[in-house]
Amino acid sequence: MGIFRRKTYIETGCFSLVINDLARAFESLREDYIFGSLSQLKREGVDVSGIARDVVPGSELEDASKGYQLTSMMGIAWDYIRDARDQLEFDRLLSASLGAEEGSRASNFRERYLDCRGDIDALAKALSVDVHRAIGSPEPRTEFLIQFQGGAVLLGGLCQVETYRACGDDRMALSLRRRITRRQS
């Protein structure tokens, strides 16, 4: 947080507000990730006409994206919750809100992404392979994987921005957004 600012913590009574904010933001980011990646491929001359640009609820594509989003943001959210039991409860509630309860396909994707141990490049590569498969493994494979991997890095960063914002740390959200914007330029 910084030397001269007191850290704000999320109280358990506010979990539902934070979770609702995150669920809305994450849904929009999932759509933007797929649409943006396919649009960029189209600009580069790749035929994407046979690929749906929408993320269908309950689809493998949606579940892979949810698992990735949960993996990329949970450590940040936990940093704003004092008690370890509350951290676990927050995780359970957010996962349930996103339809990623234990044993679900989204939860299985999340477990797979946790194996990457926070390495953003490994996470992005794993998601890109899963997204490519979920949309039907179109050709040219390499171009799709490169674009989805680049988009996944951006998706992870934007999920973290939204997590900071939902946790009430607008300063960190703005700082991270600026870094992402500079990196994209």
N, C-alpha and C. Protein backbone atom coordinates (compact mmCIF):
# COMPACT_ATOMS: atom_id res chain seq x y z
N MET A 1 0.80 -1.20 0.00
CA MET A 1 0.00 0.00 0.00
C MET A 1 0.84 1.26 0.00
N GLY A 2 1.94 1.28 0.61
CA GLY A 2 2.73 2.49 0.71
C GLY A 2 2.95 2.83 2.16
N ILE A 3 3.95 3.61 2.41
CA ILE A 3 4.34 3.91 3.77
C ILE A 3 3.30 4.78 4.48
N PHE A 4 2.70 5.72 3.80
CA PHE A 4 1.85 6.70 4.47
C PHE A 4 0.35 6.45 4.29
N ARG A 5 -0.01 5.34 3.71
CA ARG A 5 -1.43 5.03 3.57
C ARG A 5 -1.76 3.80 4.39
N ARG A 6 -2.88 3.87 5.07
CA ARG A 6 -3.35 2.70 5.79
C ARG A 6 -4.05 1.76 4.84
N LYS A 7 -3.78 0.51 5.01
CA LYS A 7 -4.40 -0.50 4.15
C LYS A 7 -5.86 -0.66 4.54
N THR A 8 -6.72 -0.69 3.55
CA THR A 8 -8.13 -0.95 3.81
C THR A 8 -8.38 -2.44 3.60
N TYR A 9 -9.19 -2.99 4.46
CA TYR A 9 -9.51 -4.41 4.38
C TYR A 9 -10.99 -4.57 4.06
N ILE A 10 -11.30 -5.65 3.40
CA ILE A 10 -12.69 -5.98 3.10
C ILE A 10 -13.25 -6.74 4.29
N GLU A 11 -14.34 -6.25 4.82
CA GLU A 11 -15.01 -6.95 5.91
C GLU A 11 -15.97 -7.99 5.32
N THR A 12 -16.25 -9.03 6.07
CA THR A 12 -17.09 -10.11 5.55
C THR A 12 -18.47 -9.62 5.11
N GLY A 13 -18.98 -8.59 5.75
CA GLY A 13 -20.28 -8.05 5.36
C GLY A 13 -20.27 -7.41 3.98
N CYS A 14 -19.11 -7.07 3.47
CA CYS A 14 -18.98 -6.44 2.15
C CYS A 14 -18.65 -7.44 1.04
N PHE A 15 -18.48 -8.70 1.40
CA PHE A 15 -18.10 -9.70 0.40
C PHE A 15 -19.05 -9.71 -0.79
N SER A 16 -20.36 -9.65 -0.52
CA SER A 16 -21.32 -9.76 -1.63
C SER A 16 -21.17 -8.60 -2.61
N LEU A 17 -20.90 -7.39 -2.11
CA LEU A 17 -20.71 -6.24 -3.01
C LEU A 17 -19.48 -6.42 -3.88
N VAL A 18 -18.38 -6.84 -3.26
CA VAL A 18 -17.13 -7.05 -4.00
C VAL A 18 -17.31 -8.17 -5.02
N ILE A 19 -17.96 -9.24 -4.62
CA ILE A 19 -18.17 -10.38 -5.51
C ILE A 19 -19.05 -9.99 -6.69
N ASN A 20 -20.11 -9.23 -6.44
CA ASN A 20 -20.98 -8.78 -7.54
C ASN A 20 -20.22 -7.90 -8.52
N ASP A 21 -19.39 -6.99 -8.00
CA ASP A 21 -18.56 -6.14 -8.88
C ASP A 21 -17.62 -6.99 -9.73
N LEU A 22 -16.96 -7.94 -9.09
CA LEU A 22 -16.02 -8.79 -9.82
C LEU A 22 -16.72 -9.65 -10.87
N ALA A 23 -17.86 -10.22 -10.51
CA ALA A 23 -18.59 -11.08 -11.46
C ALA A 23 -18.99 -10.30 -12.70
N ARG A 24 -19.49 -9.08 -12.52
CA ARG A 24 -19.88 -8.25 -13.67
C ARG A 24 -18.66 -7.89 -14.53
N ALA A 25 -17.61 -7.45 -13.87
CA ALA A 25 -16.40 -7.05 -14.60
C ALA A 25 -15.80 -8.23 -15.34
N PHE A 26 -15.74 -9.38 -14.69
CA PHE A 26 -15.12 -10.55 -15.31
C PHE A 26 -15.91 -11.04 -16.52
N GLU A 27 -17.23 -10.97 -16.46
CA GLU A 27 -18.03 -11.39 -17.61
C GLU A 27 -17.71 -10.52 -18.82
N SER A 28 -17.64 -9.23 -18.60
CA SER A 28 -17.31 -8.30 -19.68
C SER A 28 -15.90 -8.54 -20.22
N LEU A 29 -14.95 -8.78 -19.32
CA LEU A 29 -13.57 -9.02 -19.74
C LEU A 29 -13.44 -10.31 -20.55
N ARG A 30 -14.21 -11.34 -20.20
CA ARG A 30 -14.18 -12.59 -20.97
C ARG A 30 -14.63 -12.34 -22.41
N GLU A 31 -15.72 -11.62 -22.55
CA GLU A 31 -16.24 -11.29 -23.88
C GLU A 31 -15.22 -10.47 -24.67
N ASP A 32 -14.64 -9.46 -24.01
CA ASP A 32 -13.65 -8.60 -24.68
C ASP A 32 -12.42 -9.39 -25.11
N TYR A 33 -11.99 -10.34 -24.29
CA TYR A 33 -10.82 -11.15 -24.61
C TYR A 33 -11.03 -11.93 -25.90
N ILE A 34 -12.15 -12.62 -26.00
CA ILE A 34 -12.41 -13.44 -27.19
C ILE A 34 -12.64 -12.55 -28.40
N PHE A 35 -13.51 -11.55 -28.25
CA PHE A 35 -13.81 -10.68 -29.38
C PHE A 35 -12.56 -9.94 -29.86
N GLY A 36 -11.78 -9.42 -28.92
CA GLY A 36 -10.57 -8.69 -29.28
C GLY A 36 -9.54 -9.57 -29.96
N SER A 37 -9.36 -10.77 -29.46
CA SER A 37 -8.39 -11.70 -30.07
C SER A 37 -8.80 -12.07 -31.49
N LEU A 38 -10.09 -12.38 -31.67
CA LEU A 38 -10.56 -12.74 -33.01
C LEU A 38 -10.52 -11.55 -33.96
N SER A 39 -10.83 -10.37 -33.47
CA SER A 39 -10.76 -9.17 -34.31
C SER A 39 -9.34 -8.90 -34.78
N GLN A 40 -8.38 -9.07 -33.88
CA GLN A 40 -6.99 -8.86 -34.26
C GLN A 40 -6.55 -9.88 -35.30
N LEU A 41 -6.95 -11.13 -35.13
CA LEU A 41 -6.62 -12.15 -36.12
C LEU A 41 -7.23 -11.81 -37.49
N LYS A 42 -8.46 -11.31 -37.48
CA LYS A 42 -9.11 -10.92 -38.73
C LYS A 42 -8.34 -9.79 -39.41
N ARG A 43 -7.89 -8.80 -38.63
CA ARG A 43 -7.09 -7.70 -39.18
C ARG A 43 -5.79 -8.21 -39.81
N GLU A 44 -5.28 -9.30 -39.28
CA GLU A 44 -4.04 -9.88 -39.80
C GLU A 44 -4.29 -10.82 -40.98
N GLY A 45 -5.55 -10.93 -41.41
CA GLY A 45 -5.86 -11.72 -42.59
C GLY A 45 -6.24 -13.17 -42.33
N VAL A 46 -6.42 -13.54 -41.09
CA VAL A 46 -6.81 -14.92 -40.76
C VAL A 46 -8.33 -15.03 -40.88
N ASP A 47 -8.80 -16.10 -41.49
CA ASP A 47 -10.23 -16.33 -41.65
C ASP A 47 -10.83 -16.78 -40.32
N VAL A 48 -11.66 -15.93 -39.74
CA VAL A 48 -12.31 -16.25 -38.46
C VAL A 48 -13.83 -16.30 -38.64
N SER A 49 -14.28 -16.38 -39.88
CA SER A 49 -15.71 -16.30 -40.17
C SER A 49 -16.52 -17.44 -39.54
N GLY A 50 -15.92 -18.59 -39.34
CA GLY A 50 -16.66 -19.72 -38.78
C GLY A 50 -16.61 -19.82 -37.27
N ILE A 51 -16.07 -18.79 -36.61
CA ILE A 51 -15.90 -18.85 -35.15
C ILE A 51 -16.83 -17.84 -34.49
N ALA A 52 -17.62 -18.32 -33.54
CA ALA A 52 -18.53 -17.44 -32.80
C ALA A 52 -17.73 -16.48 -31.93
N ARG A 53 -18.16 -15.23 -31.92
CA ARG A 53 -17.46 -14.22 -31.14
C ARG A 53 -18.03 -14.06 -29.73
N ASP A 54 -19.10 -14.78 -29.46
CA ASP A 54 -19.73 -14.71 -28.15
C ASP A 54 -19.25 -15.86 -27.27
N VAL A 55 -19.19 -15.59 -25.98
CA VAL A 55 -18.85 -16.62 -25.01
C VAL A 55 -20.18 -17.18 -24.50
N VAL A 56 -20.49 -18.40 -24.92
CA VAL A 56 -21.77 -19.03 -24.57
C VAL A 56 -21.73 -19.47 -23.11
N PRO A 57 -22.74 -19.07 -22.31
CA PRO A 57 -22.77 -19.51 -20.92
C PRO A 57 -22.73 -21.03 -20.80
N GLY A 58 -21.88 -21.50 -19.89
CA GLY A 58 -21.75 -22.93 -19.65
C GLY A 58 -20.83 -23.65 -20.61
N SER A 59 -20.25 -22.92 -21.55
CA SER A 59 -19.38 -23.55 -22.55
C SER A 59 -17.99 -23.80 -21.96
N GLU A 60 -17.25 -24.66 -22.65
CA GLU A 60 -15.87 -24.92 -22.24
C GLU A 60 -15.04 -23.64 -22.31
N LEU A 61 -15.31 -22.81 -23.30
CA LEU A 61 -14.62 -21.54 -23.46
C LEU A 61 -14.84 -20.64 -22.24
N GLU A 62 -16.08 -20.55 -21.80
CA GLU A 62 -16.39 -19.73 -20.63
C GLU A 62 -15.72 -20.31 -19.38
N ASP A 63 -15.79 -21.61 -19.21
CA ASP A 63 -15.22 -22.23 -18.01
C ASP A 63 -13.70 -22.08 -17.96
N ALA A 64 -13.03 -22.21 -19.09
CA ALA A 64 -11.58 -22.02 -19.12
C ALA A 64 -11.24 -20.58 -18.74
N SER A 65 -12.00 -19.63 -19.28
CA SER A 65 -11.77 -18.22 -18.97
C SER A 65 -12.01 -17.92 -17.49
N LYS A 66 -13.07 -18.49 -16.93
CA LYS A 66 -13.36 -18.29 -15.51
C LYS A 66 -12.25 -18.86 -14.64
N GLY A 67 -11.79 -20.05 -14.96
CA GLY A 67 -10.70 -20.65 -14.20
C GLY A 67 -9.45 -19.78 -14.23
N TYR A 68 -9.16 -19.23 -15.39
CA TYR A 68 -8.00 -18.35 -15.55
C TYR A 68 -8.18 -17.07 -14.73
N GLN A 69 -9.37 -16.48 -14.82
CA GLN A 69 -9.62 -15.24 -14.08
C GLN A 69 -9.49 -15.45 -12.58
N LEU A 70 -10.04 -16.53 -12.07
CA LEU A 70 -9.93 -16.81 -10.64
C LEU A 70 -8.48 -17.01 -10.23
N THR A 71 -7.72 -17.67 -11.06
CA THR A 71 -6.31 -17.90 -10.76
C THR A 71 -5.53 -16.60 -10.74
N SER A 72 -5.84 -15.70 -11.67
CA SER A 72 -5.04 -14.49 -11.81
C SER A 72 -5.34 -13.42 -10.77
N MET A 73 -6.44 -13.55 -10.03
CA MET A 73 -6.80 -12.46 -9.12
C MET A 73 -6.86 -12.81 -7.64
N MET A 74 -6.90 -14.08 -7.31
CA MET A 74 -7.21 -14.44 -5.93
C MET A 74 -6.17 -13.96 -4.93
N GLY A 75 -4.90 -14.03 -5.26
CA GLY A 75 -3.87 -13.56 -4.33
C GLY A 75 -4.03 -12.10 -3.97
N ILE A 76 -4.44 -11.30 -4.94
CA ILE A 76 -4.66 -9.87 -4.69
C ILE A 76 -5.84 -9.71 -3.74
N ALA A 77 -6.94 -10.38 -4.01
CA ALA A 77 -8.11 -10.26 -3.15
C ALA A 77 -7.79 -10.70 -1.72
N TRP A 78 -7.06 -11.79 -1.60
CA TRP A 78 -6.73 -12.29 -0.26
C TRP A 78 -5.90 -11.28 0.52
N ASP A 79 -5.13 -10.48 -0.16
CA ASP A 79 -4.30 -9.48 0.50
C ASP A 79 -5.15 -8.41 1.19
N TYR A 80 -6.41 -8.30 0.80
CA TYR A 80 -7.31 -7.30 1.38
C TYR A 80 -8.28 -7.92 2.40
N ILE A 81 -8.04 -9.16 2.76
CA ILE A 81 -8.87 -9.86 3.75
C ILE A 81 -7.95 -10.34 4.86
N ARG A 82 -8.24 -9.94 6.09
CA ARG A 82 -7.32 -10.20 7.20
C ARG A 82 -7.21 -11.67 7.61
N ASP A 83 -8.32 -12.31 7.78
CA ASP A 83 -8.35 -13.65 8.37
C ASP A 83 -8.31 -14.73 7.29
N ALA A 84 -7.50 -15.75 7.50
CA ALA A 84 -7.37 -16.84 6.51
C ALA A 84 -8.69 -17.57 6.29
N ARG A 85 -9.49 -17.72 7.35
CA ARG A 85 -10.80 -18.38 7.17
C ARG A 85 -11.70 -17.54 6.28
N ASP A 86 -11.63 -16.22 6.46
CA ASP A 86 -12.42 -15.33 5.61
C ASP A 86 -11.93 -15.36 4.16
N GLN A 87 -10.63 -15.50 3.98
CA GLN A 87 -10.08 -15.61 2.62
C GLN A 87 -10.66 -16.83 1.92
N LEU A 88 -10.70 -17.94 2.63
CA LEU A 88 -11.25 -19.17 2.04
C LEU A 88 -12.74 -19.04 1.76
N GLU A 89 -13.45 -18.36 2.66
CA GLU A 89 -14.89 -18.15 2.46
C GLU A 89 -15.12 -17.24 1.25
N PHE A 90 -14.33 -16.19 1.13
CA PHE A 90 -14.44 -15.29 -0.03
C PHE A 90 -14.20 -16.08 -1.32
N ASP A 91 -13.17 -16.89 -1.32
CA ASP A 91 -12.85 -17.71 -2.49
C ASP A 91 -14.02 -18.62 -2.84
N ARG A 92 -14.60 -19.26 -1.83
CA ARG A 92 -15.73 -20.16 -2.05
C ARG A 92 -16.93 -19.41 -2.62
N LEU A 93 -17.24 -18.25 -2.04
CA LEU A 93 -18.39 -17.46 -2.49
C LEU A 93 -18.19 -16.92 -3.91
N LEU A 94 -17.00 -16.41 -4.20
CA LEU A 94 -16.73 -15.90 -5.55
C LEU A 94 -16.79 -17.03 -6.57
N SER A 95 -16.19 -18.15 -6.22
CA SER A 95 -16.22 -19.31 -7.13
C SER A 95 -17.66 -19.74 -7.40
N ALA A 96 -18.48 -19.79 -6.36
CA ALA A 96 -19.88 -20.16 -6.52
C ALA A 96 -20.61 -19.14 -7.39
N SER A 97 -20.33 -17.87 -7.19
CA SER A 97 -20.96 -16.82 -7.97
C SER A 97 -20.64 -16.95 -9.46
N LEU A 98 -19.43 -17.40 -9.76
CA LEU A 98 -19.01 -17.56 -11.15
C LEU A 98 -19.35 -18.94 -11.72
N GLY A 99 -19.95 -19.80 -10.90
CA GLY A 99 -20.26 -21.15 -11.37
C GLY A 99 -19.02 -22.03 -11.45
N ALA A 100 -18.07 -21.76 -10.56
CA ALA A 100 -16.80 -22.49 -10.56
C ALA A 100 -16.62 -23.24 -9.24
N GLU A 101 -17.72 -23.82 -8.75
CA GLU A 101 -17.66 -24.57 -7.50
C GLU A 101 -16.72 -25.76 -7.66
N GLU A 102 -16.26 -26.25 -6.51
CA GLU A 102 -15.36 -27.41 -6.53
C GLU A 102 -16.01 -28.56 -7.30
N GLY A 103 -15.24 -29.18 -8.17
CA GLY A 103 -15.73 -30.29 -8.98
C GLY A 103 -16.29 -29.87 -10.33
N SER A 104 -16.52 -28.58 -10.53
CA SER A 104 -17.04 -28.12 -11.82
C SER A 104 -15.91 -28.05 -12.84
N ARG A 105 -16.29 -27.93 -14.10
CA ARG A 105 -15.28 -27.83 -15.15
C ARG A 105 -14.44 -26.57 -14.98
N ALA A 106 -15.07 -25.45 -14.60
CA ALA A 106 -14.31 -24.21 -14.37
C ALA A 106 -13.31 -24.39 -13.23
N SER A 107 -13.71 -25.09 -12.19
CA SER A 107 -12.81 -25.37 -11.07
C SER A 107 -11.65 -26.25 -11.52
N ASN A 108 -11.93 -27.21 -12.38
CA ASN A 108 -10.86 -28.07 -12.90
C ASN A 108 -9.85 -27.28 -13.72
N PHE A 109 -10.35 -26.33 -14.53
CA PHE A 109 -9.43 -25.46 -15.27
C PHE A 109 -8.59 -24.64 -14.29
N ARG A 110 -9.24 -24.14 -13.26
CA ARG A 110 -8.51 -23.34 -12.27
C ARG A 110 -7.38 -24.15 -11.63
N GLU A 111 -7.69 -25.37 -11.27
CA GLU A 111 -6.66 -26.24 -10.68
C GLU A 111 -5.50 -26.45 -11.65
N ARG A 112 -5.84 -26.61 -12.91
CA ARG A 112 -4.79 -26.79 -13.92
C ARG A 112 -3.92 -25.53 -14.00
N TYR A 113 -4.55 -24.36 -13.95
CA TYR A 113 -3.79 -23.11 -14.06
C TYR A 113 -2.98 -22.85 -12.80
N LEU A 114 -3.44 -23.33 -11.66
CA LEU A 114 -2.65 -23.17 -10.43
C LEU A 114 -1.32 -23.90 -10.53
N ASP A 115 -1.28 -24.95 -11.34
CA ASP A 115 -0.02 -25.67 -11.55
C ASP A 115 1.05 -24.80 -12.18
N CYS A 116 0.66 -23.68 -12.78
CA CYS A 116 1.62 -22.75 -13.40
C CYS A 116 2.34 -21.90 -12.35
N ARG A 117 1.90 -21.97 -11.11
CA ARG A 117 2.53 -21.30 -9.97
C ARG A 117 2.74 -19.79 -10.17
N GLY A 118 1.77 -19.14 -10.78
CA GLY A 118 1.82 -17.69 -10.93
C GLY A 118 2.66 -17.18 -12.08
N ASP A 119 3.28 -18.06 -12.85
CA ASP A 119 4.07 -17.64 -14.02
C ASP A 119 3.10 -17.20 -15.11
N ILE A 120 3.01 -15.87 -15.33
CA ILE A 120 2.01 -15.33 -16.24
C ILE A 120 2.17 -15.87 -17.66
N ASP A 121 3.40 -16.08 -18.10
CA ASP A 121 3.59 -16.62 -19.45
C ASP A 121 3.08 -18.06 -19.55
N ALA A 122 3.35 -18.86 -18.53
CA ALA A 122 2.85 -20.24 -18.51
C ALA A 122 1.32 -20.26 -18.41
N LEU A 123 0.77 -19.37 -17.59
CA LEU A 123 -0.69 -19.27 -17.47
C LEU A 123 -1.32 -18.90 -18.81
N ALA A 124 -0.75 -17.88 -19.45
CA ALA A 124 -1.30 -17.40 -20.72
C ALA A 124 -1.21 -18.49 -21.79
N LYS A 125 -0.10 -19.21 -21.80
CA LYS A 125 0.06 -20.29 -22.78
C LYS A 125 -0.97 -21.39 -22.54
N ALA A 126 -1.17 -21.76 -21.27
CA ALA A 126 -2.15 -22.80 -20.95
C ALA A 126 -3.55 -22.38 -21.37
N LEU A 127 -3.92 -21.11 -21.08
CA LEU A 127 -5.25 -20.64 -21.48
C LEU A 127 -5.37 -20.62 -23.00
N SER A 128 -4.33 -20.16 -23.70
CA SER A 128 -4.43 -20.07 -25.16
C SER A 128 -4.66 -21.45 -25.78
N VAL A 129 -4.02 -22.47 -25.26
CA VAL A 129 -4.21 -23.83 -25.77
C VAL A 129 -5.66 -24.27 -25.51
N ASP A 130 -6.17 -23.98 -24.31
CA ASP A 130 -7.54 -24.38 -23.97
C ASP A 130 -8.57 -23.62 -24.81
N VAL A 131 -8.34 -22.33 -25.03
CA VAL A 131 -9.27 -21.54 -25.85
C VAL A 131 -9.25 -22.04 -27.29
N HIS A 132 -8.07 -22.29 -27.81
CA HIS A 132 -7.95 -22.78 -29.19
C HIS A 132 -8.74 -24.08 -29.36
N ARG A 133 -8.61 -24.98 -28.40
CA ARG A 133 -9.35 -26.24 -28.45
C ARG A 133 -10.86 -26.00 -28.32
N ALA A 134 -11.24 -25.09 -27.41
CA ALA A 134 -12.66 -24.85 -27.15
C ALA A 134 -13.38 -24.24 -28.35
N ILE A 135 -12.65 -23.50 -29.20
CA ILE A 135 -13.31 -22.91 -30.37
C ILE A 135 -13.21 -23.80 -31.60
N GLY A 136 -12.69 -25.01 -31.43
CA GLY A 136 -12.69 -25.97 -32.52
C GLY A 136 -11.35 -26.19 -33.20
N SER A 137 -10.28 -25.75 -32.60
CA SER A 137 -8.91 -25.94 -33.13
C SER A 137 -8.74 -25.48 -34.57
N PRO A 138 -9.11 -24.20 -34.86
CA PRO A 138 -8.98 -23.71 -36.23
C PRO A 138 -7.52 -23.55 -36.66
N GLU A 139 -7.33 -23.48 -37.96
CA GLU A 139 -6.00 -23.23 -38.55
C GLU A 139 -5.96 -21.77 -39.02
N PRO A 140 -4.83 -21.16 -39.05
CA PRO A 140 -3.48 -21.63 -38.72
C PRO A 140 -3.26 -21.61 -37.21
N ARG A 141 -2.96 -22.75 -36.66
CA ARG A 141 -2.85 -22.97 -35.22
C ARG A 141 -1.90 -21.98 -34.55
N THR A 142 -0.72 -21.80 -35.10
CA THR A 142 0.29 -20.95 -34.47
C THR A 142 -0.20 -19.52 -34.31
N GLU A 143 -0.83 -18.96 -35.34
CA GLU A 143 -1.33 -17.59 -35.26
C GLU A 143 -2.40 -17.46 -34.18
N PHE A 144 -3.29 -18.44 -34.11
CA PHE A 144 -4.32 -18.41 -33.08
C PHE A 144 -3.70 -18.47 -31.69
N LEU A 145 -2.77 -19.38 -31.50
CA LEU A 145 -2.16 -19.53 -30.17
C LEU A 145 -1.40 -18.27 -29.76
N ILE A 146 -0.67 -17.67 -30.68
CA ILE A 146 0.07 -16.44 -30.36
C ILE A 146 -0.89 -15.34 -29.95
N GLN A 147 -1.97 -15.15 -30.72
CA GLN A 147 -2.92 -14.09 -30.41
C GLN A 147 -3.64 -14.35 -29.09
N PHE A 148 -4.10 -15.57 -28.87
CA PHE A 148 -4.80 -15.87 -27.62
C PHE A 148 -3.86 -15.76 -26.42
N GLN A 149 -2.60 -16.09 -26.60
CA GLN A 149 -1.64 -15.97 -25.49
C GLN A 149 -1.40 -14.50 -25.15
N GLY A 150 -1.20 -13.67 -26.16
CA GLY A 150 -1.03 -12.24 -25.90
C GLY A 150 -2.26 -11.63 -25.25
N GLY A 151 -3.42 -12.03 -25.72
CA GLY A 151 -4.66 -11.55 -25.13
C GLY A 151 -4.84 -12.03 -23.70
N ALA A 152 -4.35 -13.23 -23.41
CA ALA A 152 -4.48 -13.78 -22.05
C ALA A 152 -3.64 -13.00 -21.05
N VAL A 153 -2.48 -12.54 -21.47
CA VAL A 153 -1.65 -11.71 -20.58
C VAL A 153 -2.42 -10.43 -20.24
N LEU A 154 -3.01 -9.81 -21.25
CA LEU A 154 -3.81 -8.61 -21.03
C LEU A 154 -5.02 -8.91 -20.15
N LEU A 155 -5.71 -10.02 -20.42
CA LEU A 155 -6.87 -10.42 -19.61
C LEU A 155 -6.48 -10.57 -18.14
N GLY A 156 -5.37 -11.23 -17.87
CA GLY A 156 -4.92 -11.40 -16.49
C GLY A 156 -4.66 -10.07 -15.81
N GLY A 157 -4.00 -9.17 -16.52
CA GLY A 157 -3.73 -7.85 -15.95
C GLY A 157 -5.00 -7.07 -15.68
N LEU A 158 -5.94 -7.11 -16.61
CA LEU A 158 -7.19 -6.39 -16.42
C LEU A 158 -8.04 -7.00 -15.30
N CYS A 159 -7.97 -8.31 -15.13
CA CYS A 159 -8.65 -8.94 -13.99
C CYS A 159 -8.06 -8.44 -12.67
N GLN A 160 -6.76 -8.26 -12.65
CA GLN A 160 -6.11 -7.73 -11.45
C GLN A 160 -6.51 -6.28 -11.21
N VAL A 161 -6.60 -5.49 -12.28
CA VAL A 161 -7.06 -4.10 -12.14
C VAL A 161 -8.45 -4.08 -11.52
N GLU A 162 -9.35 -4.91 -12.04
CA GLU A 162 -10.72 -4.95 -11.52
C GLU A 162 -10.76 -5.45 -10.08
N THR A 163 -9.85 -6.33 -9.73
CA THR A 163 -9.80 -6.83 -8.35
C THR A 163 -9.37 -5.72 -7.40
N TYR A 164 -8.34 -4.98 -7.76
CA TYR A 164 -7.93 -3.84 -6.94
C TYR A 164 -9.09 -2.85 -6.79
N ARG A 165 -9.77 -2.56 -7.90
CA ARG A 165 -10.87 -1.61 -7.86
C ARG A 165 -12.00 -2.11 -6.96
N ALA A 166 -12.37 -3.38 -7.11
CA ALA A 166 -13.46 -3.94 -6.30
C ALA A 166 -13.09 -3.99 -4.82
N CYS A 167 -11.80 -4.13 -4.53
CA CYS A 167 -11.33 -4.17 -3.14
C CYS A 167 -11.16 -2.76 -2.57
N GLY A 168 -11.45 -1.74 -3.36
CA GLY A 168 -11.40 -0.37 -2.87
C GLY A 168 -10.05 0.31 -3.03
N ASP A 169 -9.12 -0.29 -3.75
CA ASP A 169 -7.79 0.30 -3.92
C ASP A 169 -7.68 0.88 -5.33
N ASP A 170 -8.34 2.02 -5.51
CA ASP A 170 -8.34 2.66 -6.82
C ASP A 170 -6.95 3.12 -7.24
N ARG A 171 -6.13 3.45 -6.28
CA ARG A 171 -4.77 3.90 -6.59
C ARG A 171 -3.97 2.77 -7.26
N MET A 172 -4.02 1.57 -6.70
CA MET A 172 -3.32 0.43 -7.31
C MET A 172 -3.94 0.05 -8.65
N ALA A 173 -5.27 0.14 -8.74
CA ALA A 173 -5.95 -0.17 -10.00
C ALA A 173 -5.48 0.76 -11.10
N LEU A 174 -5.40 2.04 -10.79
CA LEU A 174 -4.95 3.03 -11.77
C LEU A 174 -3.49 2.82 -12.14
N SER A 175 -2.67 2.54 -11.15
CA SER A 175 -1.24 2.31 -11.39
C SER A 175 -1.03 1.11 -12.31
N LEU A 176 -1.72 0.02 -12.03
CA LEU A 176 -1.58 -1.18 -12.86
C LEU A 176 -2.13 -0.93 -14.26
N ARG A 177 -3.25 -0.25 -14.36
CA ARG A 177 -3.82 0.05 -15.68
C ARG A 177 -2.84 0.88 -16.51
N ARG A 178 -2.18 1.83 -15.88
CA ARG A 178 -1.18 2.64 -16.60
C ARG A 178 -0.03 1.78 -17.10
N ARG A 179 0.44 0.86 -16.25
CA ARG A 179 1.53 -0.03 -16.67
C ARG A 179 1.10 -0.91 -17.84
N ILE A 180 -0.12 -1.39 -17.79
CA ILE A 180 -0.63 -2.22 -18.89
C ILE A 180 -0.71 -1.40 -20.17
N THR A 181 -1.20 -0.18 -20.05
CA THR A 181 -1.34 0.69 -21.21
C THR A 181 0.02 1.00 -21.83
N ARG A 182 1.02 1.28 -20.98
CA ARG A 182 2.37 1.54 -21.49
C ARG A 182 2.93 0.31 -22.20
N ARG A 183 2.67 -0.85 -21.64
CA ARG A 183 3.18 -2.10 -22.23
C ARG A 183 2.54 -2.36 -23.59
N GLN A 184 1.27 -1.99 -23.73
CA GLN A 184 0.55 -2.21 -24.99
C GLN A 184 1.01 -1.26 -26.08
N SER A 185 1.55 -0.11 -25.70
CA SER A 185 1.96 0.90 -26.69
C SER A 185 3.20 0.51 -27.43
